């Protein structure tokens, strides 16, 4: 009989990982405990925002440069936007939301800036790729070093892989918000395979590490 997934994974982490704050992937691996206190595993999405002049949000303050060009705008919702470029050619480089989330953009074509990085107040860094209006999330880097990778079109990104600082790699399959854990590869080469729906994954196979003879 194969061991229970929670006991198996937690026991391995207890013997292979030095004490550290709880990691997102550890939570993911042990989701079958169905503890409602676990935080959501899917980070918030930050869809591209329209240029400030198309917002339905009141601009309460505009700061201009020597040429009269816009360098900063403050919105009624607490967002502060930053611009570069000459008068009439201003392009947005970043904006800071009221919750201290920082969004960074690239591109000097006003109105077509593309979102490239989102830094959340908790330290998570989200990376985006794609043309303006079609940016897709490809990676999230947590402060303690865990990297989560995503695939899929903008708005349909799904989690496919999680890499822990100590080398453990967790593979996921399934549609967005339905990703299920299918394989855990530890830094020593041992592989644990899973089947079952998200949150109820069960161990179906264990492949021991290959040892040189």
C-alpha atoms as a PDB file:
ATOM      1  CA  UNK A   1       0.000   0.000   0.000  1.00  0.00           C
ATOM      2  CA  UNK A   2       1.341   3.419  -0.941  1.00  0.00           C
ATOM      3  CA  UNK A   3       1.786   5.942   1.879  1.00  0.00           C
ATOM      4  CA  UNK A   4      -0.552   8.841   2.520  1.00  0.00           C
ATOM      5  CA  UNK A   5       0.530  11.892   0.472  1.00  0.00           C
ATOM      6  CA  UNK A   6       0.530  14.348   3.364  1.00  0.00           C
ATOM      7  CA  UNK A   7       2.610  12.144   5.639  1.00  0.00           C
ATOM      8  CA  UNK A   8       4.982  11.211   2.810  1.00  0.00           C
ATOM      9  CA  UNK A   9       5.684  14.757   1.679  1.00  0.00           C
ATOM     10  CA  UNK A  10       5.823  16.328   5.112  1.00  0.00           C
ATOM     11  CA  UNK A  11       8.169  13.607   6.353  1.00  0.00           C
ATOM     12  CA  UNK A  12      10.498  14.151   3.396  1.00  0.00           C
ATOM     13  CA  UNK A  13      10.499  17.912   3.877  1.00  0.00           C
ATOM     14  CA  UNK A  14      11.212  17.423   7.585  1.00  0.00           C
ATOM     15  CA  UNK A  15      14.376  15.510   6.742  1.00  0.00           C
ATOM     16  CA  UNK A  16      15.575  17.358   3.643  1.00  0.00           C
ATOM     17  CA  UNK A  17      14.707  21.026   4.135  1.00  0.00           C
ATOM     18  CA  UNK A  18      16.187  23.255   6.838  1.00  0.00           C
ATOM     19  CA  UNK A  19      13.677  25.083   9.060  1.00  0.00           C
ATOM     20  CA  UNK A  20      12.125  28.016   7.242  1.00  0.00           C
ATOM     21  CA  UNK A  21       8.836  29.892   6.988  1.00  0.00           C
ATOM     22  CA  UNK A  22       5.989  27.918   5.313  1.00  0.00           C
ATOM     23  CA  UNK A  23       6.453  27.779   1.547  1.00  0.00           C
ATOM     24  CA  UNK A  24       3.655  28.086  -0.969  1.00  0.00           C
ATOM     25  CA  UNK A  25       4.622  24.794  -2.593  1.00  0.00           C
ATOM     26  CA  UNK A  26       4.546  22.998   0.741  1.00  0.00           C
ATOM     27  CA  UNK A  27       1.000  24.214   1.097  1.00  0.00           C
ATOM     28  CA  UNK A  28       0.266  22.996  -2.424  1.00  0.00           C
ATOM     29  CA  UNK A  29       1.713  19.555  -1.758  1.00  0.00           C
ATOM     30  CA  UNK A  30      -0.370  19.090   1.374  1.00  0.00           C
ATOM     31  CA  UNK A  31      -3.640  20.556   0.153  1.00  0.00           C
ATOM     32  CA  UNK A  32      -5.439  17.246   0.742  1.00  0.00           C
ATOM     33  CA  UNK A  33      -5.495  18.128   4.427  1.00  0.00           C
ATOM     34  CA  UNK A  34      -8.303  20.498   3.333  1.00  0.00           C
ATOM     35  CA  UNK A  35      -7.313  23.089   5.881  1.00  0.00           C
ATOM     36  CA  UNK A  36      -9.474  26.151   5.065  1.00  0.00           C
ATOM     37  CA  UNK A  37      -6.859  28.461   6.557  1.00  0.00           C
ATOM     38  CA  UNK A  38      -4.484  27.912   3.635  1.00  0.00           C
ATOM     39  CA  UNK A  39      -4.278  31.017   1.419  1.00  0.00           C
ATOM     40  CA  UNK A  40      -5.298  30.849  -2.274  1.00  0.00           C
ATOM     41  CA  UNK A  41      -2.558  29.377  -4.476  1.00  0.00           C
ATOM     42  CA  UNK A  42      -3.432  31.450  -7.539  1.00  0.00           C
ATOM     43  CA  UNK A  43      -2.055  34.999  -7.230  1.00  0.00           C
ATOM     44  CA  UNK A  44      -4.206  37.949  -8.253  1.00  0.00           C
ATOM     45  CA  UNK A  45      -4.237  39.008 -11.894  1.00  0.00           C
ATOM     46  CA  UNK A  46      -3.264  42.471 -13.063  1.00  0.00           C
ATOM     47  CA  UNK A  47      -4.846  43.091 -16.481  1.00  0.00           C
ATOM     48  CA  UNK A  48      -3.333  45.870 -18.572  1.00  0.00           C
ATOM     49  CA  UNK A  49      -4.758  49.256 -17.746  1.00  0.00           C
ATOM     50  CA  UNK A  50      -5.889  51.839 -20.262  1.00  0.00           C
ATOM     51  CA  UNK A  51      -4.040  55.149 -20.610  1.00  0.00           C
ATOM     52  CA  UNK A  52      -4.961  57.630 -17.871  1.00  0.00           C
ATOM     53  CA  UNK A  53      -7.015  59.804 -20.182  1.00  0.00           C
ATOM     54  CA  UNK A  54      -9.428  56.908 -20.768  1.00  0.00           C
ATOM     55  CA  UNK A  55      -9.886  56.037 -17.073  1.00  0.00           C
ATOM     56  CA  UNK A  56     -13.271  56.595 -15.515  1.00  0.00           C
ATOM     57  CA  UNK A  57     -11.339  57.658 -12.421  1.00  0.00           C
ATOM     58  CA  UNK A  58     -10.932  61.292 -11.539  1.00  0.00           C
ATOM     59  CA  UNK A  59      -7.444  62.758 -11.850  1.00  0.00           C
ATOM     60  CA  UNK A  60      -6.996  64.880  -8.746  1.00  0.00           C
ATOM     61  CA  UNK A  61      -3.470  66.161  -9.396  1.00  0.00           C
ATOM     62  CA  UNK A  62      -1.119  66.460 -12.369  1.00  0.00           C
ATOM     63  CA  UNK A  63       2.568  67.328 -12.024  1.00  0.00           C
ATOM     64  CA  UNK A  64       4.310  68.628 -15.128  1.00  0.00           C
ATOM     65  CA  UNK A  65       7.900  69.073 -16.222  1.00  0.00           C
ATOM     66  CA  UNK A  66       9.745  72.107 -17.635  1.00  0.00           C
ATOM     67  CA  UNK A  67       8.088  71.708 -21.046  1.00  0.00           C
ATOM     68  CA  UNK A  68       4.639  71.234 -19.595  1.00  0.00           C
ATOM     69  CA  UNK A  69       4.857  67.500 -20.145  1.00  0.00           C
ATOM     70  CA  UNK A  70       3.119  65.221 -17.680  1.00  0.00           C
ATOM     71  CA  UNK A  71       5.499  63.483 -15.268  1.00  0.00           C
ATOM     72  CA  UNK A  72       3.079  62.331 -12.577  1.00  0.00           C
ATOM     73  CA  UNK A  73      -0.651  61.959 -12.087  1.00  0.00           C
ATOM     74  CA  UNK A  74      -2.574  61.164  -8.919  1.00  0.00           C
ATOM     75  CA  UNK A  75      -5.966  59.504  -9.244  1.00  0.00           C
ATOM     76  CA  UNK A  76      -8.909  59.606  -6.865  1.00  0.00           C
ATOM     77  CA  UNK A  77      -8.532  55.897  -6.060  1.00  0.00           C
ATOM     78  CA  UNK A  78      -5.031  56.456  -4.647  1.00  0.00           C
ATOM     79  CA  UNK A  79      -3.091  55.328  -7.720  1.00  0.00           C
ATOM     80  CA  UNK A  80      -0.025  57.388  -8.707  1.00  0.00           C
ATOM     81  CA  UNK A  81       1.157  57.148 -12.323  1.00  0.00           C
ATOM     82  CA  UNK A  82       4.602  58.134 -13.570  1.00  0.00           C
ATOM     83  CA  UNK A  83       5.457  59.268 -17.114  1.00  0.00           C
ATOM     84  CA  UNK A  84       8.420  60.086 -19.305  1.00  0.00           C
ATOM     85  CA  UNK A  85       8.626  61.747 -22.716  1.00  0.00           C
ATOM     86  CA  UNK A  86       8.168  65.219 -24.131  1.00  0.00           C
ATOM     87  CA  UNK A  87       4.974  67.258 -24.243  1.00  0.00           C
ATOM     88  CA  UNK A  88       2.305  65.351 -26.147  1.00  0.00           C
ATOM     89  CA  UNK A  89       4.492  62.235 -26.253  1.00  0.00           C
ATOM     90  CA  UNK A  90       4.257  61.137 -22.628  1.00  0.00           C
ATOM     91  CA  UNK A  91       4.328  57.400 -21.996  1.00  0.00           C
ATOM     92  CA  UNK A  92       3.654  55.624 -18.731  1.00  0.00           C
ATOM     93  CA  UNK A  93       6.617  53.904 -17.067  1.00  0.00           C
ATOM     94  CA  UNK A  94       5.056  52.771 -13.803  1.00  0.00           C
ATOM     95  CA  UNK A  95       2.200  53.198 -11.396  1.00  0.00           C
ATOM     96  CA  UNK A  96       1.805  52.572  -7.699  1.00  0.00           C
ATOM     97  CA  UNK A  97      -1.579  51.499  -6.391  1.00  0.00           C
ATOM     98  CA  UNK A  98      -3.083  52.462  -3.055  1.00  0.00           C
ATOM     99  CA  UNK A  99      -2.206  49.028  -1.640  1.00  0.00           C
ATOM    100  CA  UNK A 100       1.478  49.699  -2.511  1.00  0.00           C
ATOM    101  CA  UNK A 101       1.464  47.343  -5.516  1.00  0.00           C
ATOM    102  CA  UNK A 102       3.912  48.590  -8.168  1.00  0.00           C
ATOM    103  CA  UNK A 103       3.248  48.045 -11.883  1.00  0.00           C
ATOM    104  CA  UNK A 104       6.083  48.645 -14.366  1.00  0.00           C
ATOM    105  CA  UNK A 105       5.715  49.166 -18.107  1.00  0.00           C
ATOM    106  CA  UNK A 106       7.899  49.219 -21.211  1.00  0.00           C
ATOM    107  CA  UNK A 107       7.380  50.929 -24.547  1.00  0.00           C
ATOM    108  CA  UNK A 108       7.508  54.578 -25.574  1.00  0.00           C
ATOM    109  CA  UNK A 109       4.372  54.573 -27.749  1.00  0.00           C
ATOM    110  CA  UNK A 110       1.844  56.443 -25.602  1.00  0.00           C
ATOM    111  CA  UNK A 111      -1.244  54.378 -24.964  1.00  0.00           C
ATOM    112  CA  UNK A 112       0.463  51.134 -25.995  1.00  0.00           C
ATOM    113  CA  UNK A 113       2.790  50.585 -23.073  1.00  0.00           C
ATOM    114  CA  UNK A 114       3.037  46.910 -22.110  1.00  0.00           C
ATOM    115  CA  UNK A 115       2.985  45.592 -18.574  1.00  0.00           C
ATOM    116  CA  UNK A 116       6.199  43.713 -17.712  1.00  0.00           C
ATOM    117  CA  UNK A 117       6.462  43.512 -13.914  1.00  0.00           C
ATOM    118  CA  UNK A 118       4.125  43.646 -10.940  1.00  0.00           C
ATOM    119  CA  UNK A 119       5.648  43.847  -7.451  1.00  0.00           C
ATOM    120  CA  UNK A 120       3.104  43.155  -4.744  1.00  0.00           C
ATOM    121  CA  UNK A 121       3.225  44.642  -1.271  1.00  0.00           C
ATOM    122  CA  UNK A 122       4.087  41.207   0.155  1.00  0.00           C
ATOM    123  CA  UNK A 123       7.202  41.013  -2.031  1.00  0.00           C
ATOM    124  CA  UNK A 124       5.915  38.678  -4.750  1.00  0.00           C
ATOM    125  CA  UNK A 125       7.196  39.670  -8.203  1.00  0.00           C
ATOM    126  CA  UNK A 126       5.048  38.750 -11.217  1.00  0.00           C
ATOM    127  CA  UNK A 127       6.541  38.805 -14.718  1.00  0.00           C
ATOM    128  CA  UNK A 128       4.530  39.366 -17.900  1.00  0.00           C
ATOM    129  CA  UNK A 129       5.225  38.959 -21.605  1.00  0.00           C
ATOM    130  CA  UNK A 130       3.304  39.955 -24.721  1.00  0.00           C
ATOM    131  CA  UNK A 131       2.131  42.974 -26.655  1.00  0.00           C
ATOM    132  CA  UNK A 132       0.163  45.808 -25.088  1.00  0.00           C
ATOM    133  CA  UNK A 133      -3.319  44.626 -24.226  1.00  0.00           C
ATOM    134  CA  UNK A 134      -2.297  40.974 -24.489  1.00  0.00           C
ATOM    135  CA  UNK A 135       0.202  40.635 -21.653  1.00  0.00           C
ATOM    136  CA  UNK A 136       0.284  37.186 -20.101  1.00  0.00           C
ATOM    137  CA  UNK A 137       1.694  36.183 -16.747  1.00  0.00           C
ATOM    138  CA  UNK A 138       4.662  33.835 -17.156  1.00  0.00           C
ATOM    139  CA  UNK A 139       6.369  33.751 -13.766  1.00  0.00           C
ATOM    140  CA  UNK A 140       5.959  34.584 -10.100  1.00  0.00           C
ATOM    141  CA  UNK A 141       8.984  34.902  -7.799  1.00  0.00           C
ATOM    142  CA  UNK A 142       8.297  34.813  -4.064  1.00  0.00           C
ATOM    143  CA  UNK A 143      10.541  36.570  -1.528  1.00  0.00           C
ATOM    144  CA  UNK A 144      11.922  33.302  -0.155  1.00  0.00           C
ATOM    145  CA  UNK A 145      12.929  32.182  -3.674  1.00  0.00           C
ATOM    146  CA  UNK A 146      10.137  29.894  -4.866  1.00  0.00           C
ATOM    147  CA  UNK A 147       9.453  30.361  -8.592  1.00  0.00           C
ATOM    148  CA  UNK A 148       6.069  29.499 -10.122  1.00  0.00           C
ATOM    149  CA  UNK A 149       5.798  29.256 -13.920  1.00  0.00           C
ATOM    150  CA  UNK A 150       2.652  29.765 -15.987  1.00  0.00           C
ATOM    151  CA  UNK A 151       1.513  29.019 -19.533  1.00  0.00           C
ATOM    152  CA  UNK A 152      -1.475  30.187 -21.547  1.00  0.00           C
ATOM    153  CA  UNK A 153      -2.920  33.290 -23.159  1.00  0.00           C
ATOM    154  CA  UNK A 154      -3.656  36.498 -21.273  1.00  0.00           C
ATOM    155  CA  UNK A 155      -6.396  35.904 -18.727  1.00  0.00           C
ATOM    156  CA  UNK A 156      -6.095  32.127 -19.095  1.00  0.00           C
ATOM    157  CA  UNK A 157      -2.686  31.521 -17.563  1.00  0.00           C
ATOM    158  CA  UNK A 158      -2.381  28.211 -15.745  1.00  0.00           C
ATOM    159  CA  UNK A 159       0.234  27.105 -13.247  1.00  0.00           C
ATOM    160  CA  UNK A 160       2.502  24.435 -14.738  1.00  0.00           C
ATOM    161  CA  UNK A 161       5.571  24.279 -12.511  1.00  0.00           C
ATOM    162  CA  UNK A 162       6.826  25.334  -9.098  1.00  0.00           C
ATOM    163  CA  UNK A 163      10.534  25.333  -8.256  1.00  0.00           C
ATOM    164  CA  UNK A 164      11.618  25.543  -4.638  1.00  0.00           C
ATOM    165  CA  UNK A 165      14.919  27.147  -3.543  1.00  0.00           C
ATOM    166  CA  UNK A 166      16.224  23.802  -2.283  1.00  0.00           C
ATOM    167  CA  UNK A 167      15.662  22.173  -5.700  1.00  0.00           C
ATOM    168  CA  UNK A 168      12.300  20.410  -5.422  1.00  0.00           C
ATOM    169  CA  UNK A 169      10.227  20.758  -8.622  1.00  0.00           C
ATOM    170  CA  UNK A 170       6.443  20.328  -8.563  1.00  0.00           C
ATOM    171  CA  UNK A 171       4.617  19.820 -11.861  1.00  0.00           C
ATOM    172  CA  UNK A 172       0.957  20.719 -12.380  1.00  0.00           C
ATOM    173  CA  UNK A 173      -1.600  19.914 -15.073  1.00  0.00           C
ATOM    174  CA  UNK A 174      -5.108  21.210 -15.713  1.00  0.00           C
ATOM    175  CA  UNK A 175      -6.914  24.367 -16.705  1.00  0.00           C
ATOM    176  CA  UNK A 176      -6.574  27.692 -14.911  1.00  0.00           C
ATOM    177  CA  UNK A 177      -7.760  27.463 -11.299  1.00  0.00           C
ATOM    178  CA  UNK A 178      -8.060  23.688 -11.678  1.00  0.00           C
ATOM    179  CA  UNK A 179      -4.360  22.843 -11.692  1.00  0.00           C
ATOM    180  CA  UNK A 180      -3.622  19.542 -10.010  1.00  0.00           C
ATOM    181  CA  UNK A 181      -0.276  18.262  -8.797  1.00  0.00           C
ATOM    182  CA  UNK A 182       0.972  15.340 -10.900  1.00  0.00           C
ATOM    183  CA  UNK A 183       4.643  14.993 -10.014  1.00  0.00           C
ATOM    184  CA  UNK A 184       7.143  16.041  -7.359  1.00  0.00           C
ATOM    185  CA  UNK A 185      10.845  15.671  -8.149  1.00  0.00           C
ATOM    186  CA  UNK A 186      13.119  16.111  -5.152  1.00  0.00           C
ATOM    187  CA  UNK A 187      16.661  17.446  -5.317  1.00  0.00           C
ATOM    188  CA  UNK A 188      18.028  13.945  -4.651  1.00  0.00           C
ATOM    189  CA  UNK A 189      16.311  12.614  -7.798  1.00  0.00           C
ATOM    190  CA  UNK A 190      13.398  10.832  -6.145  1.00  0.00           C
ATOM    191  CA  UNK A 191      10.100  11.259  -8.008  1.00  0.00           C
ATOM    192  CA  UNK A 192       6.615  10.948  -6.498  1.00  0.00           C
ATOM    193  CA  UNK A 193       3.668  10.748  -8.925  1.00  0.00           C
ATOM    194  CA  UNK A 194       0.084  11.725  -8.164  1.00  0.00           C
ATOM    195  CA  UNK A 195      -3.394  11.305  -9.619  1.00  0.00           C
ATOM    196  CA  UNK A 196      -6.725  12.806  -8.696  1.00  0.00           C
ATOM    197  CA  UNK A 197      -8.483  16.181  -8.840  1.00  0.00           C
ATOM    198  CA  UNK A 198      -7.050  19.334  -7.353  1.00  0.00           C
ATOM    199  CA  UNK A 199      -6.980  19.207  -3.591  1.00  0.00           C
ATOM    200  CA  UNK A 200      -7.472  15.438  -3.517  1.00  0.00           C
ATOM    201  CA  UNK A 201      -4.299  14.244  -5.227  1.00  0.00           C
ATOM    202  CA  UNK A 202      -3.102  10.804  -4.127  1.00  0.00           C
ATOM    203  CA  UNK A 203       0.232   9.048  -4.519  1.00  0.00           C
ATOM    204  CA  UNK A 204       0.248   6.455  -7.298  1.00  0.00           C
ATOM    205  CA  UNK A 205       3.955   5.851  -7.757  1.00  0.00           C
ATOM    206  CA  UNK A 206       7.355   6.441  -6.235  1.00  0.00           C
ATOM    207  CA  UNK A 207      10.527   6.313  -8.319  1.00  0.00           C
ATOM    208  CA  UNK A 208      13.650   6.132  -6.147  1.00  0.00           C
ATOM    209  CA  UNK A 209      16.683   8.226  -7.041  1.00  0.00           C
ATOM    210  CA  UNK A 210      19.161   6.731  -9.466  1.00  0.00           C
ATOM    211  CA  UNK A 211      22.456   5.908  -7.788  1.00  0.00           C
ATOM    212  CA  UNK A 212      25.749   5.581  -9.577  1.00  0.00           C
ATOM    213  CA  UNK A 213      27.221   2.081  -9.297  1.00  0.00           C
END
